[in-house]
Amino acid sequence: MSDTRDRIYRHIESHPGIHFRKLTRTLDLATGQVQYHLARLDRVDSESVNGRTHYYAASFDRWERHAIAFLRRETARDVLVTLIEREATSPGEVADHLDIARSTLEHHLDGLVEYDIVAKRRHEGRVTLALCRPESTVELLAAVDPTAPDRLSDRFTRLLDRLFESGYSNN
């Protein structure tokens, strides 16, 4: 294996769920160079989640790859941590606890529910959220930190939500 290919693999292995642009920037490699080597790495899997392609060592199963992609996003991560702490709870309680708009919570829940990371249960007109695989989520949480750009993007979204909720308008 070439030194460059080995370097790419080691970085993916130590940063599961890294997305393509971050990989090229961090390793200071050209886009085409990284694409070339990724195509030849059979020990690497990729998943596209919410418009971003994330890379993983082949040891992660499909559910773990999706969960890691969400754990790299600060708000989704905060939702999952809240569900670890509170177990089953209502969406309103999660949104209030995180001080986010319900629309922001629902945006993140759409993907979390779609990929079976969070279960949304309805019983007698009440909606409850719970983790589908709590033990696995806790294990992955320890292995993944959201990147600075992901945190800034989530914080910007939260700021906009607060402005719109407070009735701010440019008119």
C-alpha atoms as a PDB file:
ATOM      1  CA  MET A   1       0.000   0.000   0.000  1.00  0.00           C
ATOM      2  CA  SER A   2       1.296   3.485  -0.806  1.00  0.00           C
ATOM      3  CA  ASP A   3       2.246   5.875   1.994  1.00  0.00           C
ATOM      4  CA  THR A   4      -0.567   8.242   0.976  1.00  0.00           C
ATOM      5  CA  ARG A   5      -3.174   5.478   0.955  1.00  0.00           C
ATOM      6  CA  ASP A   6      -1.972   4.231   4.329  1.00  0.00           C
ATOM      7  CA  ARG A   7      -2.110   7.782   5.731  1.00  0.00           C
ATOM      8  CA  ILE A   8      -5.704   8.217   4.475  1.00  0.00           C
ATOM      9  CA  TYR A   9      -6.754   4.880   5.966  1.00  0.00           C
ATOM     10  CA  ARG A  10      -5.143   5.571   9.360  1.00  0.00           C
ATOM     11  CA  HIS A  11      -6.880   8.954   9.523  1.00  0.00           C
ATOM     12  CA  ILE A  12     -10.281   7.458   8.681  1.00  0.00           C
ATOM     13  CA  GLU A  13      -9.711   4.704  11.223  1.00  0.00           C
ATOM     14  CA  SER A  14      -8.900   7.217  13.984  1.00  0.00           C
ATOM     15  CA  HIS A  15     -11.668   9.669  12.942  1.00  0.00           C
ATOM     16  CA  PRO A  16     -14.687   7.509  12.054  1.00  0.00           C
ATOM     17  CA  GLY A  17     -17.354   9.351  10.106  1.00  0.00           C
ATOM     18  CA  ILE A  18     -15.035  12.040   8.764  1.00  0.00           C
ATOM     19  CA  HIS A  19     -16.475  13.691   5.683  1.00  0.00           C
ATOM     20  CA  PHE A  20     -14.617  14.078   2.408  1.00  0.00           C
ATOM     21  CA  ARG A  21     -13.778  17.795   2.537  1.00  0.00           C
ATOM     22  CA  LYS A  22     -12.496  17.517   6.097  1.00  0.00           C
ATOM     23  CA  LEU A  23     -10.343  14.552   5.069  1.00  0.00           C
ATOM     24  CA  THR A  24      -8.751  16.450   2.179  1.00  0.00           C
ATOM     25  CA  ARG A  25      -8.183  19.592   4.280  1.00  0.00           C
ATOM     26  CA  THR A  26      -6.772  17.773   7.289  1.00  0.00           C
ATOM     27  CA  LEU A  27      -4.349  15.674   5.264  1.00  0.00           C
ATOM     28  CA  ASP A  28      -3.562  18.563   2.898  1.00  0.00           C
ATOM     29  CA  LEU A  29      -4.153  16.390  -0.160  1.00  0.00           C
ATOM     30  CA  ALA A  30      -5.741  17.224  -3.498  1.00  0.00           C
ATOM     31  CA  THR A  31      -9.348  16.171  -4.034  1.00  0.00           C
ATOM     32  CA  GLY A  32      -8.494  13.916  -6.965  1.00  0.00           C
ATOM     33  CA  GLN A  33      -5.663  12.299  -5.030  1.00  0.00           C
ATOM     34  CA  VAL A  34      -7.973  11.391  -2.143  1.00  0.00           C
ATOM     35  CA  GLN A  35     -10.666  10.134  -4.537  1.00  0.00           C
ATOM     36  CA  TYR A  36      -8.122   7.932  -6.297  1.00  0.00           C
ATOM     37  CA  HIS A  37      -6.883   6.328  -3.080  1.00  0.00           C
ATOM     38  CA  LEU A  38     -10.360   5.948  -1.538  1.00  0.00           C
ATOM     39  CA  ALA A  39     -11.483   4.022  -4.620  1.00  0.00           C
ATOM     40  CA  ARG A  40      -8.683   1.529  -3.979  1.00  0.00           C
ATOM     41  CA  LEU A  41      -9.175   1.142  -0.225  1.00  0.00           C
ATOM     42  CA  ASP A  42     -11.309  -1.945   0.295  1.00  0.00           C
ATOM     43  CA  ARG A  43     -11.079  -1.546   4.084  1.00  0.00           C
ATOM     44  CA  VAL A  44     -13.111   1.704   3.943  1.00  0.00           C
ATOM     45  CA  ASP A  45     -16.891   2.093   3.729  1.00  0.00           C
ATOM     46  CA  SER A  46     -18.823   5.269   3.030  1.00  0.00           C
ATOM     47  CA  GLU A  47     -22.320   6.458   3.848  1.00  0.00           C
ATOM     48  CA  SER A  48     -24.151   9.515   2.597  1.00  0.00           C
ATOM     49  CA  VAL A  49     -26.194  11.087   5.389  1.00  0.00           C
ATOM     50  CA  ASN A  50     -28.004  14.403   4.931  1.00  0.00           C
ATOM     51  CA  GLY A  51     -26.002  15.304   1.846  1.00  0.00           C
ATOM     52  CA  ARG A  52     -22.541  14.531   3.233  1.00  0.00           C
ATOM     53  CA  THR A  53     -20.457  11.471   2.507  1.00  0.00           C
ATOM     54  CA  HIS A  54     -18.788  10.077   5.611  1.00  0.00           C
ATOM     55  CA  TYR A  55     -15.953   7.513   5.658  1.00  0.00           C
ATOM     56  CA  TYR A  56     -15.399   4.650   8.091  1.00  0.00           C
ATOM     57  CA  ALA A  57     -13.156   1.676   8.636  1.00  0.00           C
ATOM     58  CA  ALA A  58     -15.021  -1.391   7.356  1.00  0.00           C
ATOM     59  CA  SER A  59     -15.413  -2.692  10.919  1.00  0.00           C
ATOM     60  CA  PHE A  60     -18.482  -0.463  11.518  1.00  0.00           C
ATOM     61  CA  ASP A  61     -21.891  -1.823  10.587  1.00  0.00           C
ATOM     62  CA  ARG A  62     -24.488   0.248   8.719  1.00  0.00           C
ATOM     63  CA  TRP A  63     -26.362   1.332  11.878  1.00  0.00           C
ATOM     64  CA  GLU A  64     -23.121   2.429  13.561  1.00  0.00           C
ATOM     65  CA  ARG A  65     -22.076   4.426  10.481  1.00  0.00           C
ATOM     66  CA  HIS A  66     -25.370   6.326  10.478  1.00  0.00           C
ATOM     67  CA  ALA A  67     -25.244   6.921  14.244  1.00  0.00           C
ATOM     68  CA  ILE A  68     -21.683   8.251  14.019  1.00  0.00           C
ATOM     69  CA  ALA A  69     -22.677  10.658  11.233  1.00  0.00           C
ATOM     70  CA  PHE A  70     -25.355  12.131  13.508  1.00  0.00           C
ATOM     71  CA  LEU A  71     -23.060  12.191  16.539  1.00  0.00           C
ATOM     72  CA  ARG A  72     -20.727  14.447  14.550  1.00  0.00           C
ATOM     73  CA  ARG A  73     -23.477  17.100  14.488  1.00  0.00           C
ATOM     74  CA  GLU A  74     -23.757  19.035  17.729  1.00  0.00           C
ATOM     75  CA  THR A  75     -27.533  19.400  17.923  1.00  0.00           C
ATOM     76  CA  ALA A  76     -28.233  15.769  16.986  1.00  0.00           C
ATOM     77  CA  ARG A  77     -25.587  14.748  19.511  1.00  0.00           C
ATOM     78  CA  ASP A  78     -27.272  16.894  22.185  1.00  0.00           C
ATOM     79  CA  VAL A  79     -30.615  15.236  21.410  1.00  0.00           C
ATOM     80  CA  LEU A  80     -29.063  11.794  21.819  1.00  0.00           C
ATOM     81  CA  VAL A  81     -27.327  12.746  25.071  1.00  0.00           C
ATOM     82  CA  THR A  82     -30.635  14.086  26.414  1.00  0.00           C
ATOM     83  CA  LEU A  83     -32.333  10.788  25.550  1.00  0.00           C
ATOM     84  CA  ILE A  84     -29.524   8.878  27.279  1.00  0.00           C
ATOM     85  CA  GLU A  85     -30.008  10.980  30.419  1.00  0.00           C
ATOM     86  CA  ARG A  86     -33.817  10.998  30.424  1.00  0.00           C
ATOM     87  CA  GLU A  87     -34.571   7.732  28.644  1.00  0.00           C
ATOM     88  CA  ALA A  88     -38.084   8.066  27.148  1.00  0.00           C
ATOM     89  CA  THR A  89     -39.352  11.641  27.040  1.00  0.00           C
ATOM     90  CA  SER A  90     -41.560  13.929  24.967  1.00  0.00           C
ATOM     91  CA  PRO A  91     -40.276  16.042  22.076  1.00  0.00           C
ATOM     92  CA  GLY A  92     -41.376  19.197  23.900  1.00  0.00           C
ATOM     93  CA  GLU A  93     -39.274  18.290  26.933  1.00  0.00           C
ATOM     94  CA  VAL A  94     -36.224  17.640  24.736  1.00  0.00           C
ATOM     95  CA  ALA A  95     -36.646  20.936  22.857  1.00  0.00           C
ATOM     96  CA  ASP A  96     -37.113  22.866  26.121  1.00  0.00           C
ATOM     97  CA  HIS A  97     -34.120  21.179  27.754  1.00  0.00           C
ATOM     98  CA  LEU A  98     -31.886  22.027  24.775  1.00  0.00           C
ATOM     99  CA  ASP A  99     -33.421  25.481  24.308  1.00  0.00           C
ATOM    100  CA  ILE A 100     -34.103  24.809  20.626  1.00  0.00           C
ATOM    101  CA  ALA A 101     -37.169  25.330  18.479  1.00  0.00           C
ATOM    102  CA  ARG A 102     -39.434  22.345  17.943  1.00  0.00           C
ATOM    103  CA  SER A 103     -38.831  22.741  14.205  1.00  0.00           C
ATOM    104  CA  THR A 104     -35.085  22.334  14.759  1.00  0.00           C
ATOM    105  CA  LEU A 105     -35.668  19.270  16.896  1.00  0.00           C
ATOM    106  CA  GLU A 106     -38.006  17.770  14.280  1.00  0.00           C
ATOM    107  CA  HIS A 107     -35.416  18.422  11.558  1.00  0.00           C
ATOM    108  CA  HIS A 108     -32.861  16.342  13.466  1.00  0.00           C
ATOM    109  CA  LEU A 109     -35.425  13.735  14.513  1.00  0.00           C
ATOM    110  CA  ASP A 110     -36.367  13.095  10.878  1.00  0.00           C
ATOM    111  CA  GLY A 111     -32.961  11.537  10.200  1.00  0.00           C
ATOM    112  CA  LEU A 112     -32.558   9.959  13.628  1.00  0.00           C
ATOM    113  CA  VAL A 113     -35.902   8.178  13.264  1.00  0.00           C
ATOM    114  CA  GLU A 114     -35.326   7.272   9.593  1.00  0.00           C
ATOM    115  CA  TYR A 115     -32.079   5.462  10.471  1.00  0.00           C
ATOM    116  CA  ASP A 116     -33.534   3.737  13.585  1.00  0.00           C
ATOM    117  CA  ILE A 117     -31.367   5.632  16.036  1.00  0.00           C
ATOM    118  CA  VAL A 118     -34.370   7.159  17.820  1.00  0.00           C
ATOM    119  CA  ALA A 119     -37.855   5.669  18.086  1.00  0.00           C
ATOM    120  CA  LYS A 120     -40.852   7.990  18.019  1.00  0.00           C
ATOM    121  CA  ARG A 121     -43.734   6.221  19.743  1.00  0.00           C
ATOM    122  CA  ARG A 122     -47.344   7.349  19.908  1.00  0.00           C
ATOM    123  CA  HIS A 123     -49.558   6.187  22.753  1.00  0.00           C
ATOM    124  CA  GLU A 124     -52.956   7.685  23.614  1.00  0.00           C
ATOM    125  CA  GLY A 125     -52.219  10.892  21.705  1.00  0.00           C
ATOM    126  CA  ARG A 126     -48.831  11.403  23.344  1.00  0.00           C
ATOM    127  CA  VAL A 127     -45.498  11.183  21.512  1.00  0.00           C
ATOM    128  CA  THR A 128     -42.463   9.769  23.294  1.00  0.00           C
ATOM    129  CA  LEU A 129     -38.863   9.638  22.074  1.00  0.00           C
ATOM    130  CA  ALA A 130     -36.406   6.909  23.059  1.00  0.00           C
ATOM    131  CA  LEU A 131     -33.125   5.532  21.804  1.00  0.00           C
ATOM    132  CA  CYS A 132     -33.413   2.349  19.729  1.00  0.00           C
ATOM    133  CA  ARG A 133     -30.022   1.039  20.874  1.00  0.00           C
ATOM    134  CA  PRO A 134     -29.029   2.946  24.028  1.00  0.00           C
ATOM    135  CA  GLU A 135     -25.940   0.890  24.937  1.00  0.00           C
ATOM    136  CA  SER A 136     -24.506   1.118  21.425  1.00  0.00           C
ATOM    137  CA  THR A 137     -25.232   4.851  21.283  1.00  0.00           C
ATOM    138  CA  VAL A 138     -23.343   5.418  24.546  1.00  0.00           C
ATOM    139  CA  GLU A 139     -20.347   3.462  23.213  1.00  0.00           C
ATOM    140  CA  LEU A 140     -20.238   5.459  19.977  1.00  0.00           C
ATOM    141  CA  LEU A 141     -20.714   8.752  21.815  1.00  0.00           C
ATOM    142  CA  ALA A 142     -17.372   8.244  23.538  1.00  0.00           C
ATOM    143  CA  ALA A 143     -15.617   7.742  20.202  1.00  0.00           C
ATOM    144  CA  VAL A 144     -16.896  10.762  18.261  1.00  0.00           C
ATOM    145  CA  ASP A 145     -16.699  14.519  18.696  1.00  0.00           C
ATOM    146  CA  PRO A 146     -18.416  16.939  16.316  1.00  0.00           C
ATOM    147  CA  THR A 147     -16.034  19.067  14.269  1.00  0.00           C
ATOM    148  CA  ALA A 148     -15.777  22.819  14.759  1.00  0.00           C
ATOM    149  CA  PRO A 149     -17.583  23.616  11.459  1.00  0.00           C
ATOM    150  CA  ASP A 150     -20.408  21.236  12.404  1.00  0.00           C
ATOM    151  CA  ARG A 151     -20.748  22.937  15.806  1.00  0.00           C
ATOM    152  CA  LEU A 152     -20.739  26.420  14.231  1.00  0.00           C
ATOM    153  CA  SER A 153     -23.373  25.410  11.676  1.00  0.00           C
ATOM    154  CA  ASP A 154     -25.642  24.023  14.401  1.00  0.00           C
ATOM    155  CA  ARG A 155     -25.161  27.103  16.581  1.00  0.00           C
ATOM    156  CA  PHE A 156     -26.017  29.382  13.669  1.00  0.00           C
ATOM    157  CA  THR A 157     -29.217  27.408  13.056  1.00  0.00           C
ATOM    158  CA  ARG A 158     -30.126  27.695  16.752  1.00  0.00           C
ATOM    159  CA  LEU A 159     -29.525  31.465  16.628  1.00  0.00           C
ATOM    160  CA  LEU A 160     -31.785  31.846  13.596  1.00  0.00           C
ATOM    161  CA  ASP A 161     -34.491  29.762  15.277  1.00  0.00           C
ATOM    162  CA  ARG A 162     -34.405  32.035  18.325  1.00  0.00           C
ATOM    163  CA  LEU A 163     -34.630  35.140  16.145  1.00  0.00           C
ATOM    164  CA  PHE A 164     -37.639  33.810  14.248  1.00  0.00           C
ATOM    165  CA  GLU A 165     -39.344  32.580  17.425  1.00  0.00           C
ATOM    166  CA  SER A 166     -38.960  35.999  19.029  1.00  0.00           C
ATOM    167  CA  GLY A 167     -40.711  37.591  16.056  1.00  0.00           C
ATOM    168  CA  TYR A 168     -37.628  39.263  14.609  1.00  0.00           C
ATOM    169  CA  SER A 169     -38.231  40.495  11.135  1.00  0.00           C
ATOM    170  CA  ASN A 170     -36.318  42.606   8.652  1.00  0.00           C
ATOM    171  CA  ASN A 171     -39.466  44.404   7.489  1.00  0.00           C
END
